[in-house]
Amino acid sequence: MKAIDLINTKNFLTGQLELYKIEFVNTNNNKYLSTMNDFDKAIKTINYLESALRRLVEENKQLKL
């Protein structure tokens, strides 16, 4: 997986989360909460993966020195 794939996926999920937030505010329908929580968990997972990827890239650079 490339870093750009993570960024694109996070951007997509963030956009979807925002759309669900708008729908939730407009309708007050609790069915959107579960999906919003799932999107939030996925975004947090991607943030963790981005952090791990940065750390691994840095470690790899240090090993090549």
PDB file of N, CA and C in Angstrom:
ATOM      1  N   MET A   1       0.858  -1.180   0.000  1.00  0.00           N
ATOM      2  CA  MET A   1       0.000   0.000   0.000  1.00  0.00           C
ATOM      3  C   MET A   1       0.898   1.235   0.000  1.00  0.00           C
ATOM      4  N   LYS A   2       0.531   2.166  -0.808  1.00  0.00           N
ATOM      5  CA  LYS A   2       1.288   3.408  -0.903  1.00  0.00           C
ATOM      6  C   LYS A   2       0.704   4.443   0.045  1.00  0.00           C
ATOM      7  N   ALA A   3       1.530   5.395   0.414  1.00  0.00           N
ATOM      8  CA  ALA A   3       1.081   6.471   1.301  1.00  0.00           C
ATOM      9  C   ALA A   3      -0.073   7.245   0.671  1.00  0.00           C
ATOM     10  N   ILE A   4      -0.022   7.430  -0.640  1.00  0.00           N
ATOM     11  CA  ILE A   4      -1.087   8.185  -1.312  1.00  0.00           C
ATOM     12  C   ILE A   4      -2.417   7.442  -1.214  1.00  0.00           C
ATOM     13  N   ASP A   5      -2.361   6.099  -1.196  1.00  0.00           N
ATOM     14  CA  ASP A   5      -3.591   5.318  -1.034  1.00  0.00           C
ATOM     15  C   ASP A   5      -4.227   5.591   0.323  1.00  0.00           C
ATOM     16  N   LEU A   6      -3.403   5.688   1.349  1.00  0.00           N
ATOM     17  CA  LEU A   6      -3.919   5.991   2.684  1.00  0.00           C
ATOM     18  C   LEU A   6      -4.539   7.383   2.725  1.00  0.00           C
ATOM     19  N   ILE A   7      -3.871   8.321   2.107  1.00  0.00           N
ATOM     20  CA  ILE A   7      -4.373   9.700   2.093  1.00  0.00           C
ATOM     21  C   ILE A   7      -5.705   9.771   1.341  1.00  0.00           C
ATOM     22  N   ASN A   8      -5.769   9.119   0.183  1.00  0.00           N
ATOM     23  CA  ASN A   8      -7.008   9.133  -0.594  1.00  0.00           C
ATOM     24  C   ASN A   8      -8.148   8.454   0.158  1.00  0.00           C
ATOM     25  N   THR A   9      -7.843   7.353   0.805  1.00  0.00           N
ATOM     26  CA  THR A   9      -8.867   6.640   1.569  1.00  0.00           C
ATOM     27  C   THR A   9      -9.351   7.487   2.741  1.00  0.00           C
ATOM     28  N   LYS A  10      -8.418   8.117   3.446  1.00  0.00           N
ATOM     29  CA  LYS A  10      -8.805   8.968   4.570  1.00  0.00           C
ATOM     30  C   LYS A  10      -9.643  10.150   4.098  1.00  0.00           C
ATOM     31  N   ASN A  11      -9.274  10.745   2.984  1.00  0.00           N
ATOM     32  CA  ASN A  11     -10.053  11.861   2.441  1.00  0.00           C
ATOM     33  C   ASN A  11     -11.463  11.425   2.071  1.00  0.00           C
ATOM     34  N   PHE A  12     -11.587  10.250   1.460  1.00  0.00           N
ATOM     35  CA  PHE A  12     -12.901   9.735   1.101  1.00  0.00           C
ATOM     36  C   PHE A  12     -13.748   9.501   2.350  1.00  0.00           C
ATOM     37  N   LEU A  13     -13.179   8.825   3.337  1.00  0.00           N
ATOM     38  CA  LEU A  13     -13.921   8.526   4.564  1.00  0.00           C
ATOM     39  C   LEU A  13     -14.299   9.801   5.316  1.00  0.00           C
ATOM     40  N   THR A  14     -13.406  10.762   5.340  1.00  0.00           N
ATOM     41  CA  THR A  14     -13.695  12.030   6.003  1.00  0.00           C
ATOM     42  C   THR A  14     -14.845  12.739   5.301  1.00  0.00           C
ATOM     43  N   GLY A  15     -14.852  12.716   3.986  1.00  0.00           N
ATOM     44  CA  GLY A  15     -15.942  13.316   3.228  1.00  0.00           C
ATOM     45  C   GLY A  15     -17.272  12.619   3.506  1.00  0.00           C
ATOM     46  N   GLN A  16     -17.237  11.295   3.551  1.00  0.00           N
ATOM     47  CA  GLN A  16     -18.456  10.540   3.849  1.00  0.00           C
ATOM     48  C   GLN A  16     -18.956  10.847   5.252  1.00  0.00           C
ATOM     49  N   LEU A  17     -18.018  10.938   6.188  1.00  0.00           N
ATOM     50  CA  LEU A  17     -18.399  11.263   7.562  1.00  0.00           C
ATOM     51  C   LEU A  17     -19.085  12.621   7.621  1.00  0.00           C
ATOM     52  N   GLU A  18     -18.555  13.593   6.911  1.00  0.00           N
ATOM     53  CA  GLU A  18     -19.157  14.926   6.900  1.00  0.00           C
ATOM     54  C   GLU A  18     -20.564  14.891   6.297  1.00  0.00           C
ATOM     55  N   LEU A  19     -20.747  14.103   5.231  1.00  0.00           N
ATOM     56  CA  LEU A  19     -22.079  13.983   4.633  1.00  0.00           C
ATOM     57  C   LEU A  19     -23.070  13.365   5.620  1.00  0.00           C
ATOM     58  N   TYR A  20     -22.616  12.359   6.357  1.00  0.00           N
ATOM     59  CA  TYR A  20     -23.493  11.730   7.336  1.00  0.00           C
ATOM     60  C   TYR A  20     -23.807  12.687   8.488  1.00  0.00           C
ATOM     61  N   LYS A  21     -22.834  13.503   8.857  1.00  0.00           N
ATOM     62  CA  LYS A  21     -23.089  14.497   9.906  1.00  0.00           C
ATOM     63  C   LYS A  21     -24.171  15.473   9.462  1.00  0.00           C
ATOM     64  N   ILE A  22     -24.093  15.907   8.213  1.00  0.00           N
ATOM     65  CA  ILE A  22     -25.089  16.833   7.687  1.00  0.00           C
ATOM     66  C   ILE A  22     -26.471  16.178   7.701  1.00  0.00           C
ATOM     67  N   GLU A  23     -26.547  14.936   7.243  1.00  0.00           N
ATOM     68  CA  GLU A  23     -27.830  14.227   7.235  1.00  0.00           C
ATOM     69  C   GLU A  23     -28.373  14.059   8.651  1.00  0.00           C
ATOM     70  N   PHE A  24     -27.467  13.749   9.578  1.00  0.00           N
ATOM     71  CA  PHE A  24     -27.901  13.562  10.963  1.00  0.00           C
ATOM     72  C   PHE A  24     -28.468  14.862  11.529  1.00  0.00           C
ATOM     73  N   VAL A  25     -27.784  15.960  11.287  1.00  0.00           N
ATOM     74  CA  VAL A  25     -28.253  17.254  11.784  1.00  0.00           C
ATOM     75  C   VAL A  25     -29.588  17.619  11.148  1.00  0.00           C
ATOM     76  N   ASN A  26     -29.725  17.337   9.868  1.00  0.00           N
ATOM     77  CA  ASN A  26     -30.957  17.694   9.157  1.00  0.00           C
ATOM     78  C   ASN A  26     -32.154  16.824   9.553  1.00  0.00           C
ATOM     79  N   THR A  27     -31.889  15.569   9.923  1.00  0.00           N
ATOM     80  CA  THR A  27     -33.000  14.638  10.166  1.00  0.00           C
ATOM     81  C   THR A  27     -33.153  14.216  11.620  1.00  0.00           C
ATOM     82  N   ASN A  28     -32.085  14.369  12.422  1.00  0.00           N
ATOM     83  CA  ASN A  28     -32.070  13.856  13.797  1.00  0.00           C
ATOM     84  C   ASN A  28     -32.365  12.361  13.853  1.00  0.00           C
ATOM     85  N   ASN A  29     -32.020  11.656  12.799  1.00  0.00           N
ATOM     86  CA  ASN A  29     -32.249  10.222  12.712  1.00  0.00           C
ATOM     87  C   ASN A  29     -31.019   9.487  13.263  1.00  0.00           C
ATOM     88  N   ASN A  30     -31.207   8.714  14.320  1.00  0.00           N
ATOM     89  CA  ASN A  30     -30.087   8.045  14.986  1.00  0.00           C
ATOM     90  C   ASN A  30     -29.446   6.935  14.164  1.00  0.00           C
ATOM     91  N   LYS A  31     -30.079   6.542  13.062  1.00  0.00           N
ATOM     92  CA  LYS A  31     -29.479   5.493  12.244  1.00  0.00           C
ATOM     93  C   LYS A  31     -28.131   5.941  11.663  1.00  0.00           C
ATOM     94  N   TYR A  32     -27.931   7.242  11.571  1.00  0.00           N
ATOM     95  CA  TYR A  32     -26.674   7.755  11.034  1.00  0.00           C
ATOM     96  C   TYR A  32     -25.531   7.671  12.051  1.00  0.00           C
ATOM     97  N   LEU A  33     -25.844   7.591  13.331  1.00  0.00           N
ATOM     98  CA  LEU A  33     -24.801   7.581  14.362  1.00  0.00           C
ATOM     99  C   LEU A  33     -23.883   6.375  14.247  1.00  0.00           C
ATOM    100  N   SER A  34     -24.451   5.212  14.045  1.00  0.00           N
ATOM    101  CA  SER A  34     -23.645   3.993  13.948  1.00  0.00           C
ATOM    102  C   SER A  34     -22.659   4.080  12.785  1.00  0.00           C
ATOM    103  N   THR A  35     -23.151   4.525  11.650  1.00  0.00           N
ATOM    104  CA  THR A  35     -22.281   4.656  10.483  1.00  0.00           C
ATOM    105  C   THR A  35     -21.229   5.728  10.711  1.00  0.00           C
ATOM    106  N   MET A  36     -21.608   6.823  11.348  1.00  0.00           N
ATOM    107  CA  MET A  36     -20.646   7.878  11.654  1.00  0.00           C
ATOM    108  C   MET A  36     -19.552   7.338  12.571  1.00  0.00           C
ATOM    109  N   ASN A  37     -19.922   6.529  13.551  1.00  0.00           N
ATOM    110  CA  ASN A  37     -18.931   5.925  14.441  1.00  0.00           C
ATOM    111  C   ASN A  37     -18.006   4.985  13.678  1.00  0.00           C
ATOM    112  N   ASP A  38     -18.560   4.228  12.734  1.00  0.00           N
ATOM    113  CA  ASP A  38     -17.726   3.333  11.918  1.00  0.00           C
ATOM    114  C   ASP A  38     -16.730   4.123  11.074  1.00  0.00           C
ATOM    115  N   PHE A  39     -17.209   5.215  10.462  1.00  0.00           N
ATOM    116  CA  PHE A  39     -16.299   6.059   9.688  1.00  0.00           C
ATOM    117  C   PHE A  39     -15.202   6.629  10.578  1.00  0.00           C
ATOM    118  N   ASP A  40     -15.575   7.076  11.771  1.00  0.00           N
ATOM    119  CA  ASP A  40     -14.600   7.646  12.704  1.00  0.00           C
ATOM    120  C   ASP A  40     -13.548   6.607  13.100  1.00  0.00           C
ATOM    121  N   LYS A  41     -13.974   5.387  13.378  1.00  0.00           N
ATOM    122  CA  LYS A  41     -13.026   4.313  13.720  1.00  0.00           C
ATOM    123  C   LYS A  41     -12.090   4.024  12.556  1.00  0.00           C
ATOM    124  N   ALA A  42     -12.631   3.998  11.343  1.00  0.00           N
ATOM    125  CA  ALA A  42     -11.807   3.739  10.164  1.00  0.00           C
ATOM    126  C   ALA A  42     -10.783   4.856   9.969  1.00  0.00           C
ATOM    127  N   ILE A  43     -11.195   6.098  10.169  1.00  0.00           N
ATOM    128  CA  ILE A  43     -10.274   7.224  10.037  1.00  0.00           C
ATOM    129  C   ILE A  43      -9.172   7.139  11.087  1.00  0.00           C
ATOM    130  N   LYS A  44      -9.520   6.775  12.313  1.00  0.00           N
ATOM    131  CA  LYS A  44      -8.510   6.621  13.362  1.00  0.00           C
ATOM    132  C   LYS A  44      -7.536   5.501  13.014  1.00  0.00           C
ATOM    133  N   THR A  45      -8.034   4.423  12.427  1.00  0.00           N
ATOM    134  CA  THR A  45      -7.160   3.320  12.011  1.00  0.00           C
ATOM    135  C   THR A  45      -6.205   3.783  10.925  1.00  0.00           C
ATOM    136  N   ILE A  46      -6.701   4.550   9.977  1.00  0.00           N
ATOM    137  CA  ILE A  46      -5.835   5.060   8.909  1.00  0.00           C
ATOM    138  C   ILE A  46      -4.800   6.020   9.474  1.00  0.00           C
ATOM    139  N   ASN A  47      -5.192   6.846  10.430  1.00  0.00           N
ATOM    140  CA  ASN A  47      -4.216   7.740  11.067  1.00  0.00           C
ATOM    141  C   ASN A  47      -3.109   6.931  11.732  1.00  0.00           C
ATOM    142  N   TYR A  48      -3.480   5.830  12.379  1.00  0.00           N
ATOM    143  CA  TYR A  48      -2.483   4.954  12.998  1.00  0.00           C
ATOM    144  C   TYR A  48      -1.573   4.349  11.927  1.00  0.00           C
ATOM    145  N   LEU A  49      -2.163   3.890  10.825  1.00  0.00           N
ATOM    146  CA  LEU A  49      -1.367   3.308   9.748  1.00  0.00           C
ATOM    147  C   LEU A  49      -0.424   4.337   9.130  1.00  0.00           C
ATOM    148  N   GLU A  50      -0.890   5.561   8.973  1.00  0.00           N
ATOM    149  CA  GLU A  50      -0.023   6.626   8.451  1.00  0.00           C
ATOM    150  C   GLU A  50       1.162   6.855   9.379  1.00  0.00           C
ATOM    151  N   SER A  51       0.887   6.879  10.672  1.00  0.00           N
ATOM    152  CA  SER A  51       1.941   7.068  11.658  1.00  0.00           C
ATOM    153  C   SER A  51       2.943   5.914  11.609  1.00  0.00           C
ATOM    154  N   ALA A  52       2.429   4.704  11.527  1.00  0.00           N
ATOM    155  CA  ALA A  52       3.303   3.530  11.459  1.00  0.00           C
ATOM    156  C   ALA A  52       4.123   3.543  10.176  1.00  0.00           C
ATOM    157  N   LEU A  53       3.510   3.952   9.080  1.00  0.00           N
ATOM    158  CA  LEU A  53       4.223   4.024   7.807  1.00  0.00           C
ATOM    159  C   LEU A  53       5.353   5.045   7.876  1.00  0.00           C
ATOM    160  N   ARG A  54       5.072   6.213   8.448  1.00  0.00           N
ATOM    161  CA  ARG A  54       6.125   7.236   8.594  1.00  0.00           C
ATOM    162  C   ARG A  54       7.277   6.714   9.449  1.00  0.00           C
ATOM    163  N   ARG A  55       6.924   6.025  10.544  1.00  0.00           N
ATOM    164  CA  ARG A  55       7.946   5.487  11.432  1.00  0.00           C
ATOM    165  C   ARG A  55       8.798   4.443  10.704  1.00  0.00           C
ATOM    166  N   LEU A  56       8.155   3.566   9.945  1.00  0.00           N
ATOM    167  CA  LEU A  56       8.884   2.539   9.212  1.00  0.00           C
ATOM    168  C   LEU A  56       9.776   3.131   8.120  1.00  0.00           C
ATOM    169  N   VAL A  57       9.293   4.157   7.448  1.00  0.00           N
ATOM    170  CA  VAL A  57      10.107   4.822   6.421  1.00  0.00           C
ATOM    171  C   VAL A  57      11.341   5.436   7.072  1.00  0.00           C
ATOM    172  N   GLU A  58      11.155   6.080   8.217  1.00  0.00           N
ATOM    173  CA  GLU A  58      12.285   6.691   8.926  1.00  0.00           C
ATOM    174  C   GLU A  58      13.274   5.624   9.389  1.00  0.00           C
ATOM    175  N   GLU A  59      12.763   4.526   9.927  1.00  0.00           N
ATOM    176  CA  GLU A  59      13.647   3.433  10.354  1.00  0.00           C
ATOM    177  C   GLU A  59      14.408   2.865   9.172  1.00  0.00           C
ATOM    178  N   ASN A  60      13.737   2.733   8.037  1.00  0.00           N
ATOM    179  CA  ASN A  60      14.371   2.201   6.844  1.00  0.00           C
ATOM    180  C   ASN A  60      15.489   3.134   6.375  1.00  0.00           C
ATOM    181  N   LYS A  61      15.247   4.449   6.424  1.00  0.00           N
ATOM    182  CA  LYS A  61      16.285   5.415   6.059  1.00  0.00           C
ATOM    183  C   LYS A  61      17.492   5.281   6.968  1.00  0.00           C
ATOM    184  N   GLN A  62      17.252   5.101   8.270  1.00  0.00           N
ATOM    185  CA  GLN A  62      18.354   4.975   9.221  1.00  0.00           C
ATOM    186  C   GLN A  62      19.162   3.691   8.982  1.00  0.00           C
ATOM    187  N   LEU A  63      18.485   2.633   8.615  1.00  0.00           N
ATOM    188  CA  LEU A  63      19.172   1.363   8.352  1.00  0.00           C
ATOM    189  C   LEU A  63      20.050   1.438   7.102  1.00  0.00           C
ATOM    190  N   LYS A  64      19.667   2.263   6.155  1.00  0.00           N
ATOM    191  CA  LYS A  64      20.423   2.389   4.910  1.00  0.00           C
ATOM    192  C   LYS A  64      21.665   3.253   5.083  1.00  0.00           C
ATOM    193  N   LEU A  65      21.744   3.996   6.178  1.00  0.00           N
ATOM    194  CA  LEU A  65      22.916   4.866   6.394  1.00  0.00           C
ATOM    195  C   LEU A  65      24.116   4.105   6.748  1.00  0.00           C
TER     196      LEU A  65
END
